[in-house]
Amino acid sequence: MPTANQCNAIQPCLLPNLEHLYISNLFFSDNSEQLCRFIFSPSFSRLRTCHIDRMTINNDHPYSSLSLQQLTVTPCTWKSNMYKQLFKACPNLIYLRIIRLRKTLFELSLNFIRPHTSLRHLHIHFYSIENEWYNHINSLLSNVPNLENFTLIIDQIEINMKFPLDLFAHLLTQRAPYLINFKAKIPSNNFLSKKLDIIKRWHPLFINIQFRQCQHQNSKNYLVISSER
């Protein structure tokens, strides 16, 4: 974990040739706005890949980074206009990975952005999901029309909720017509008691499907889906 002084030292005047940045600033909220202003700006003109935990974006600030192509975010908060600001600031973004922390609520707004045509790779890791998952994924996929690679990992599902895989498969068919690679790991529950050959019919990329049982008695079992043969 870096210190606050180390976070503050990430400045264009000190690192003019920075190409790759991995910063765990989850516990430093004071400098997160400054970091975002540097990252999503021409100041780091060579920055291509970035992993950042805490993001603080001001609605009134013009963010823009033409160089950034890969972004990983582990948000502790997520405002409704976050996707809009990220995609507008990074028109050449190819890879986006979102790791959702436990108890982090995602605020979403419908029709929040115009399509981002550069994004090809999307990796979403939810530690837990609730009933808002469908609107979240639907809104996101509807705005990345050229998506080719999609990974979805869910660590746990709320006790009273069932993940409708058939509905999710329909969403992929409707929103991701150019998808060529797909991976998913979803906790098994009652709806997953169906035969595997039935699940394979729901989407052409549901090719390799298997249940993985954890060795620990109290651990969850998962359904793993892959487009790899």
C-alpha atoms as a PDB file:
ATOM      1  CA  MET A   1       0.000   0.000   0.000  1.00  0.00           C
ATOM      2  CA  PRO A   2       1.593   3.324  -1.030  1.00  0.00           C
ATOM      3  CA  THR A   3       1.795   6.285   1.280  1.00  0.00           C
ATOM      4  CA  ALA A   4      -0.009   9.559   0.649  1.00  0.00           C
ATOM      5  CA  ASN A   5       3.303  11.191  -0.289  1.00  0.00           C
ATOM      6  CA  GLN A   6       3.978   8.490  -2.852  1.00  0.00           C
ATOM      7  CA  CYS A   7       0.550   9.030  -4.374  1.00  0.00           C
ATOM      8  CA  ASN A   8       1.169  12.764  -4.521  1.00  0.00           C
ATOM      9  CA  ALA A   9       4.465  12.131  -6.314  1.00  0.00           C
ATOM     10  CA  ILE A  10       2.641  10.786  -9.369  1.00  0.00           C
ATOM     11  CA  GLN A  11       2.819  13.943 -11.445  1.00  0.00           C
ATOM     12  CA  PRO A  12       3.573  14.586 -15.124  1.00  0.00           C
ATOM     13  CA  CYS A  13       6.536  16.830 -14.336  1.00  0.00           C
ATOM     14  CA  LEU A  14       8.203  13.968 -12.426  1.00  0.00           C
ATOM     15  CA  LEU A  15       7.122  11.100 -14.706  1.00  0.00           C
ATOM     16  CA  PRO A  16       6.842  12.584 -18.203  1.00  0.00           C
ATOM     17  CA  ASN A  17       7.315   9.231 -19.991  1.00  0.00           C
ATOM     18  CA  LEU A  18       4.924   7.173 -17.862  1.00  0.00           C
ATOM     19  CA  GLU A  19       3.289   4.387 -19.888  1.00  0.00           C
ATOM     20  CA  HIS A  20       1.930   1.988 -17.240  1.00  0.00           C
ATOM     21  CA  LEU A  21       0.454   2.881 -13.854  1.00  0.00           C
ATOM     22  CA  TYR A  22      -0.756   0.564 -11.076  1.00  0.00           C
ATOM     23  CA  ILE A  23      -1.818   2.446  -7.979  1.00  0.00           C
ATOM     24  CA  SER A  24      -3.747   1.195  -4.945  1.00  0.00           C
ATOM     25  CA  ASN A  25      -5.115   4.455  -3.566  1.00  0.00           C
ATOM     26  CA  LEU A  26      -8.208   3.066  -1.885  1.00  0.00           C
ATOM     27  CA  PHE A  27      -7.463   4.737   1.439  1.00  0.00           C
ATOM     28  CA  PHE A  28      -6.285   8.072   0.065  1.00  0.00           C
ATOM     29  CA  SER A  29      -9.329  10.084  -0.908  1.00  0.00           C
ATOM     30  CA  ASP A  30      -7.605  13.461  -0.662  1.00  0.00           C
ATOM     31  CA  ASN A  31      -5.472  13.027  -3.766  1.00  0.00           C
ATOM     32  CA  SER A  32      -7.771  10.865  -5.892  1.00  0.00           C
ATOM     33  CA  GLU A  33      -9.258  13.850  -7.713  1.00  0.00           C
ATOM     34  CA  GLN A  34      -5.792  15.128  -8.614  1.00  0.00           C
ATOM     35  CA  LEU A  35      -4.741  11.670  -9.794  1.00  0.00           C
ATOM     36  CA  CYS A  36      -7.773  11.396 -12.055  1.00  0.00           C
ATOM     37  CA  ARG A  37      -7.107  14.827 -13.522  1.00  0.00           C
ATOM     38  CA  PHE A  38      -3.606  13.704 -14.459  1.00  0.00           C
ATOM     39  CA  ILE A  39      -4.555  10.227 -15.685  1.00  0.00           C
ATOM     40  CA  PHE A  40      -7.483  11.316 -17.829  1.00  0.00           C
ATOM     41  CA  SER A  41      -5.706  14.210 -19.479  1.00  0.00           C
ATOM     42  CA  PRO A  42      -2.981  14.915 -22.073  1.00  0.00           C
ATOM     43  CA  SER A  43      -0.538  15.464 -19.189  1.00  0.00           C
ATOM     44  CA  PHE A  44       0.468  11.783 -19.285  1.00  0.00           C
ATOM     45  CA  SER A  45       0.602  11.693 -23.064  1.00  0.00           C
ATOM     46  CA  ARG A  46       2.165   8.201 -23.173  1.00  0.00           C
ATOM     47  CA  LEU A  47       0.031   6.484 -20.548  1.00  0.00           C
ATOM     48  CA  ARG A  48      -1.463   3.355 -22.101  1.00  0.00           C
ATOM     49  CA  THR A  49      -2.476   1.121 -19.191  1.00  0.00           C
ATOM     50  CA  CYS A  50      -3.780   2.082 -15.772  1.00  0.00           C
ATOM     51  CA  HIS A  51      -5.066   0.302 -12.663  1.00  0.00           C
ATOM     52  CA  ILE A  52      -6.580   2.589 -10.057  1.00  0.00           C
ATOM     53  CA  ASP A  53      -8.852   1.882  -7.089  1.00  0.00           C
ATOM     54  CA  ARG A  54     -10.466   5.104  -5.961  1.00  0.00           C
ATOM     55  CA  MET A  55     -11.731   7.447  -8.657  1.00  0.00           C
ATOM     56  CA  THR A  56     -12.994  10.957  -8.015  1.00  0.00           C
ATOM     57  CA  ILE A  57     -14.290  12.679 -11.124  1.00  0.00           C
ATOM     58  CA  ASN A  58     -15.655  16.202 -11.145  1.00  0.00           C
ATOM     59  CA  ASN A  59     -18.590  16.781 -13.469  1.00  0.00           C
ATOM     60  CA  ASP A  60     -17.325  20.246 -14.388  1.00  0.00           C
ATOM     61  CA  HIS A  61     -13.800  19.192 -15.375  1.00  0.00           C
ATOM     62  CA  PRO A  62     -13.005  18.323 -19.024  1.00  0.00           C
ATOM     63  CA  TYR A  63     -11.259  14.937 -18.915  1.00  0.00           C
ATOM     64  CA  SER A  64      -9.524  13.636 -22.025  1.00  0.00           C
ATOM     65  CA  SER A  65      -6.894  10.961 -22.663  1.00  0.00           C
ATOM     66  CA  LEU A  66      -6.275   9.818 -26.217  1.00  0.00           C
ATOM     67  CA  SER A  67      -3.447   7.476 -25.204  1.00  0.00           C
ATOM     68  CA  LEU A  68      -5.178   5.341 -22.563  1.00  0.00           C
ATOM     69  CA  GLN A  69      -6.125   1.932 -23.962  1.00  0.00           C
ATOM     70  CA  GLN A  70      -6.449  -0.347 -20.916  1.00  0.00           C
ATOM     71  CA  LEU A  71      -8.147   0.570 -17.653  1.00  0.00           C
ATOM     72  CA  THR A  72      -8.798  -1.447 -14.487  1.00  0.00           C
ATOM     73  CA  VAL A  73     -10.959   0.091 -11.767  1.00  0.00           C
ATOM     74  CA  THR A  74     -11.728  -1.197  -8.266  1.00  0.00           C
ATOM     75  CA  PRO A  75     -14.324   1.362  -7.228  1.00  0.00           C
ATOM     76  CA  CYS A  76     -15.456   2.020  -3.692  1.00  0.00           C
ATOM     77  CA  THR A  77     -18.228   4.212  -5.088  1.00  0.00           C
ATOM     78  CA  TRP A  78     -19.844   4.333  -8.503  1.00  0.00           C
ATOM     79  CA  LYS A  79     -21.931   7.294  -9.600  1.00  0.00           C
ATOM     80  CA  SER A  80     -24.539   7.111 -12.312  1.00  0.00           C
ATOM     81  CA  ASN A  81     -22.490   9.113 -14.827  1.00  0.00           C
ATOM     82  CA  MET A  82     -19.201   7.253 -14.311  1.00  0.00           C
ATOM     83  CA  TYR A  83     -19.400   5.236 -17.539  1.00  0.00           C
ATOM     84  CA  LYS A  84     -20.327   8.343 -19.490  1.00  0.00           C
ATOM     85  CA  GLN A  85     -17.320  10.227 -18.177  1.00  0.00           C
ATOM     86  CA  LEU A  86     -14.881   7.347 -18.672  1.00  0.00           C
ATOM     87  CA  PHE A  87     -15.924   6.603 -22.229  1.00  0.00           C
ATOM     88  CA  LYS A  88     -16.039  10.261 -23.194  1.00  0.00           C
ATOM     89  CA  ALA A  89     -12.594  10.870 -21.707  1.00  0.00           C
ATOM     90  CA  CYS A  90     -11.011   7.760 -23.282  1.00  0.00           C
ATOM     91  CA  PRO A  91     -12.280   7.342 -26.855  1.00  0.00           C
ATOM     92  CA  ASN A  92      -9.475   4.886 -27.688  1.00  0.00           C
ATOM     93  CA  LEU A  93     -10.070   2.609 -24.702  1.00  0.00           C
ATOM     94  CA  ILE A  94      -9.895  -1.032 -25.798  1.00  0.00           C
ATOM     95  CA  TYR A  95      -9.920  -2.948 -22.508  1.00  0.00           C
ATOM     96  CA  LEU A  96     -12.022  -2.181 -19.426  1.00  0.00           C
ATOM     97  CA  ARG A  97     -11.942  -4.219 -16.226  1.00  0.00           C
ATOM     98  CA  ILE A  98     -14.211  -3.429 -13.274  1.00  0.00           C
ATOM     99  CA  ILE A  99     -13.723  -5.195  -9.959  1.00  0.00           C
ATOM    100  CA  ARG A 100     -16.661  -4.443  -7.703  1.00  0.00           C
ATOM    101  CA  LEU A 101     -15.945  -4.306  -4.006  1.00  0.00           C
ATOM    102  CA  ARG A 102     -18.340  -5.902  -1.555  1.00  0.00           C
ATOM    103  CA  LYS A 103     -21.231  -3.602  -0.565  1.00  0.00           C
ATOM    104  CA  THR A 104     -20.483  -1.182  -3.377  1.00  0.00           C
ATOM    105  CA  LEU A 105     -23.704   0.074  -4.938  1.00  0.00           C
ATOM    106  CA  PHE A 106     -23.736   0.936  -8.622  1.00  0.00           C
ATOM    107  CA  GLU A 107     -25.886   3.896  -9.540  1.00  0.00           C
ATOM    108  CA  LEU A 108     -26.981   3.794 -13.155  1.00  0.00           C
ATOM    109  CA  SER A 109     -28.789   6.146 -15.470  1.00  0.00           C
ATOM    110  CA  LEU A 110     -30.627   4.918 -18.544  1.00  0.00           C
ATOM    111  CA  ASN A 111     -29.356   6.073 -21.944  1.00  0.00           C
ATOM    112  CA  PHE A 112     -26.332   7.494 -20.226  1.00  0.00           C
ATOM    113  CA  ILE A 113     -23.865   7.643 -23.109  1.00  0.00           C
ATOM    114  CA  ARG A 114     -23.493   7.428 -26.842  1.00  0.00           C
ATOM    115  CA  PRO A 115     -21.893   4.193 -28.111  1.00  0.00           C
ATOM    116  CA  HIS A 116     -18.199   3.688 -27.448  1.00  0.00           C
ATOM    117  CA  THR A 117     -16.992   1.948 -30.593  1.00  0.00           C
ATOM    118  CA  SER A 118     -13.371   1.232 -29.617  1.00  0.00           C
ATOM    119  CA  LEU A 119     -13.948  -1.072 -26.640  1.00  0.00           C
ATOM    120  CA  ARG A 120     -13.268  -4.720 -27.502  1.00  0.00           C
ATOM    121  CA  HIS A 121     -12.574  -6.336 -24.115  1.00  0.00           C
ATOM    122  CA  LEU A 122     -14.822  -6.139 -21.051  1.00  0.00           C
ATOM    123  CA  HIS A 123     -14.051  -7.883 -17.751  1.00  0.00           C
ATOM    124  CA  ILE A 124     -16.541  -7.531 -14.887  1.00  0.00           C
ATOM    125  CA  HIS A 125     -15.867  -9.072 -11.475  1.00  0.00           C
ATOM    126  CA  PHE A 126     -18.719  -8.767  -8.971  1.00  0.00           C
ATOM    127  CA  TYR A 127     -18.107  -9.961  -5.435  1.00  0.00           C
ATOM    128  CA  SER A 128     -21.874  -9.945  -5.031  1.00  0.00           C
ATOM    129  CA  ILE A 129     -24.864  -8.993  -7.121  1.00  0.00           C
ATOM    130  CA  GLU A 130     -28.412  -8.028  -6.350  1.00  0.00           C
ATOM    131  CA  ASN A 131     -31.435  -7.325  -8.491  1.00  0.00           C
ATOM    132  CA  GLU A 132     -29.803  -4.385 -10.289  1.00  0.00           C
ATOM    133  CA  TRP A 133     -27.429  -6.668 -12.215  1.00  0.00           C
ATOM    134  CA  TYR A 134     -29.638  -6.856 -15.337  1.00  0.00           C
ATOM    135  CA  ASN A 135     -29.980  -3.089 -15.784  1.00  0.00           C
ATOM    136  CA  HIS A 136     -26.264  -2.676 -15.189  1.00  0.00           C
ATOM    137  CA  ILE A 137     -25.107  -5.202 -17.777  1.00  0.00           C
ATOM    138  CA  ASN A 138     -27.847  -4.279 -20.247  1.00  0.00           C
ATOM    139  CA  SER A 139     -26.971  -0.581 -20.093  1.00  0.00           C
ATOM    140  CA  LEU A 140     -23.276  -1.292 -20.432  1.00  0.00           C
ATOM    141  CA  LEU A 141     -23.496  -3.778 -23.312  1.00  0.00           C
ATOM    142  CA  SER A 142     -25.888  -1.544 -25.230  1.00  0.00           C
ATOM    143  CA  ASN A 143     -23.188   1.126 -25.372  1.00  0.00           C
ATOM    144  CA  VAL A 144     -20.230  -1.028 -26.474  1.00  0.00           C
ATOM    145  CA  PRO A 145     -21.546  -2.377 -29.803  1.00  0.00           C
ATOM    146  CA  ASN A 146     -18.209  -3.757 -31.055  1.00  0.00           C
ATOM    147  CA  LEU A 147     -17.435  -5.885 -27.999  1.00  0.00           C
ATOM    148  CA  GLU A 148     -15.527  -9.062 -28.876  1.00  0.00           C
ATOM    149  CA  ASN A 149     -14.361 -10.438 -25.514  1.00  0.00           C
ATOM    150  CA  PHE A 150     -16.481 -10.582 -22.358  1.00  0.00           C
ATOM    151  CA  THR A 151     -15.636 -12.087 -18.963  1.00  0.00           C
ATOM    152  CA  LEU A 152     -18.146 -12.153 -16.096  1.00  0.00           C
ATOM    153  CA  ILE A 153     -17.175 -13.376 -12.621  1.00  0.00           C
ATOM    154  CA  ILE A 154     -19.636 -13.428  -9.733  1.00  0.00           C
ATOM    155  CA  ASP A 155     -18.424 -14.560  -6.328  1.00  0.00           C
ATOM    156  CA  GLN A 156     -21.766 -14.692  -4.567  1.00  0.00           C
ATOM    157  CA  ILE A 157     -25.464 -14.125  -5.151  1.00  0.00           C
ATOM    158  CA  GLU A 158     -27.916 -12.860  -2.592  1.00  0.00           C
ATOM    159  CA  ILE A 159     -29.679 -15.692  -0.770  1.00  0.00           C
ATOM    160  CA  ASN A 160     -33.167 -15.019  -2.120  1.00  0.00           C
ATOM    161  CA  MET A 161     -32.057 -14.326  -5.673  1.00  0.00           C
ATOM    162  CA  LYS A 162     -31.701 -16.655  -8.632  1.00  0.00           C
ATOM    163  CA  PHE A 163     -29.456 -15.742 -11.557  1.00  0.00           C
ATOM    164  CA  PRO A 164     -31.532 -16.263 -14.741  1.00  0.00           C
ATOM    165  CA  LEU A 165     -28.899 -17.570 -17.115  1.00  0.00           C
ATOM    166  CA  ASP A 166     -31.385 -17.900 -19.975  1.00  0.00           C
ATOM    167  CA  LEU A 167     -32.236 -14.198 -19.692  1.00  0.00           C
ATOM    168  CA  PHE A 168     -28.545 -13.343 -19.580  1.00  0.00           C
ATOM    169  CA  ALA A 169     -27.921 -15.439 -22.715  1.00  0.00           C
ATOM    170  CA  HIS A 170     -30.665 -13.516 -24.526  1.00  0.00           C
ATOM    171  CA  LEU A 171     -29.016 -10.285 -23.424  1.00  0.00           C
ATOM    172  CA  LEU A 172     -25.708 -11.401 -24.945  1.00  0.00           C
ATOM    173  CA  THR A 173     -27.408 -12.304 -28.212  1.00  0.00           C
ATOM    174  CA  GLN A 174     -29.207  -8.989 -28.402  1.00  0.00           C
ATOM    175  CA  ARG A 175     -26.492  -6.624 -27.197  1.00  0.00           C
ATOM    176  CA  ALA A 176     -23.199  -8.279 -28.226  1.00  0.00           C
ATOM    177  CA  PRO A 177     -23.565  -9.514 -31.824  1.00  0.00           C
ATOM    178  CA  TYR A 178     -19.799  -9.455 -32.498  1.00  0.00           C
ATOM    179  CA  LEU A 179     -18.805 -11.392 -29.389  1.00  0.00           C
ATOM    180  CA  ILE A 180     -16.253 -14.122 -30.152  1.00  0.00           C
ATOM    181  CA  ASN A 181     -14.832 -14.989 -26.710  1.00  0.00           C
ATOM    182  CA  PHE A 182     -16.839 -15.447 -23.533  1.00  0.00           C
ATOM    183  CA  LYS A 183     -16.030 -16.651 -20.018  1.00  0.00           C
ATOM    184  CA  ALA A 184     -18.185 -16.732 -16.892  1.00  0.00           C
ATOM    185  CA  LYS A 185     -18.044 -18.057 -13.338  1.00  0.00           C
ATOM    186  CA  ILE A 186     -21.391 -17.963 -11.552  1.00  0.00           C
ATOM    187  CA  PRO A 187     -22.401 -19.469  -8.194  1.00  0.00           C
ATOM    188  CA  SER A 188     -24.630 -22.483  -8.724  1.00  0.00           C
ATOM    189  CA  ASN A 189     -28.136 -22.371  -7.270  1.00  0.00           C
ATOM    190  CA  ASN A 190     -31.518 -23.900  -7.963  1.00  0.00           C
ATOM    191  CA  PHE A 191     -31.843 -22.618 -11.506  1.00  0.00           C
ATOM    192  CA  LEU A 192     -28.585 -24.307 -12.435  1.00  0.00           C
ATOM    193  CA  SER A 193     -29.976 -27.766 -11.785  1.00  0.00           C
ATOM    194  CA  LYS A 194     -30.884 -27.949 -15.463  1.00  0.00           C
ATOM    195  CA  LYS A 195     -28.957 -30.298 -17.696  1.00  0.00           C
ATOM    196  CA  LEU A 196     -25.819 -28.859 -19.212  1.00  0.00           C
ATOM    197  CA  ASP A 197     -26.899 -29.657 -22.769  1.00  0.00           C
ATOM    198  CA  ILE A 198     -29.950 -27.425 -22.298  1.00  0.00           C
ATOM    199  CA  ILE A 199     -27.770 -24.537 -21.122  1.00  0.00           C
ATOM    200  CA  LYS A 200     -25.578 -24.939 -24.212  1.00  0.00           C
ATOM    201  CA  ARG A 201     -28.553 -24.220 -26.450  1.00  0.00           C
ATOM    202  CA  TRP A 202     -29.074 -20.787 -24.973  1.00  0.00           C
ATOM    203  CA  HIS A 203     -26.078 -19.180 -26.688  1.00  0.00           C
ATOM    204  CA  PRO A 204     -23.579 -20.336 -29.349  1.00  0.00           C
ATOM    205  CA  LEU A 205     -20.637 -19.316 -27.138  1.00  0.00           C
ATOM    206  CA  PHE A 206     -21.815 -21.528 -24.253  1.00  0.00           C
ATOM    207  CA  ILE A 207     -19.524 -24.287 -25.504  1.00  0.00           C
ATOM    208  CA  ASN A 208     -17.593 -25.601 -22.527  1.00  0.00           C
ATOM    209  CA  ILE A 209     -19.797 -25.844 -19.422  1.00  0.00           C
ATOM    210  CA  GLN A 210     -18.915 -27.532 -16.162  1.00  0.00           C
ATOM    211  CA  PHE A 211     -19.689 -27.471 -12.476  1.00  0.00           C
ATOM    212  CA  ARG A 212     -16.761 -26.949 -10.155  1.00  0.00           C
ATOM    213  CA  GLN A 213     -17.204 -28.124  -6.609  1.00  0.00           C
ATOM    214  CA  CYS A 214     -15.095 -26.523  -3.928  1.00  0.00           C
ATOM    215  CA  GLN A 215     -13.289 -28.788  -1.508  1.00  0.00           C
ATOM    216  CA  HIS A 216     -14.392 -26.887   1.589  1.00  0.00           C
ATOM    217  CA  GLN A 217     -17.762 -27.913   2.937  1.00  0.00           C
ATOM    218  CA  ASN A 218     -19.067 -24.375   3.389  1.00  0.00           C
ATOM    219  CA  SER A 219     -17.731 -23.078   0.082  1.00  0.00           C
ATOM    220  CA  LYS A 220     -19.994 -22.427  -2.890  1.00  0.00           C
ATOM    221  CA  ASN A 221     -20.058 -24.430  -6.070  1.00  0.00           C
ATOM    222  CA  TYR A 222     -19.748 -22.621  -9.382  1.00  0.00           C
ATOM    223  CA  LEU A 223     -20.904 -22.984 -12.928  1.00  0.00           C
ATOM    224  CA  VAL A 224     -18.046 -22.216 -15.316  1.00  0.00           C
ATOM    225  CA  ILE A 225     -18.842 -21.337 -18.924  1.00  0.00           C
ATOM    226  CA  SER A 226     -16.324 -20.794 -21.695  1.00  0.00           C
ATOM    227  CA  SER A 227     -16.345 -20.348 -25.450  1.00  0.00           C
ATOM    228  CA  GLU A 228     -13.120 -22.347 -25.702  1.00  0.00           C
ATOM    229  CA  ARG A 229     -13.502 -25.806 -27.189  1.00  0.00           C
END
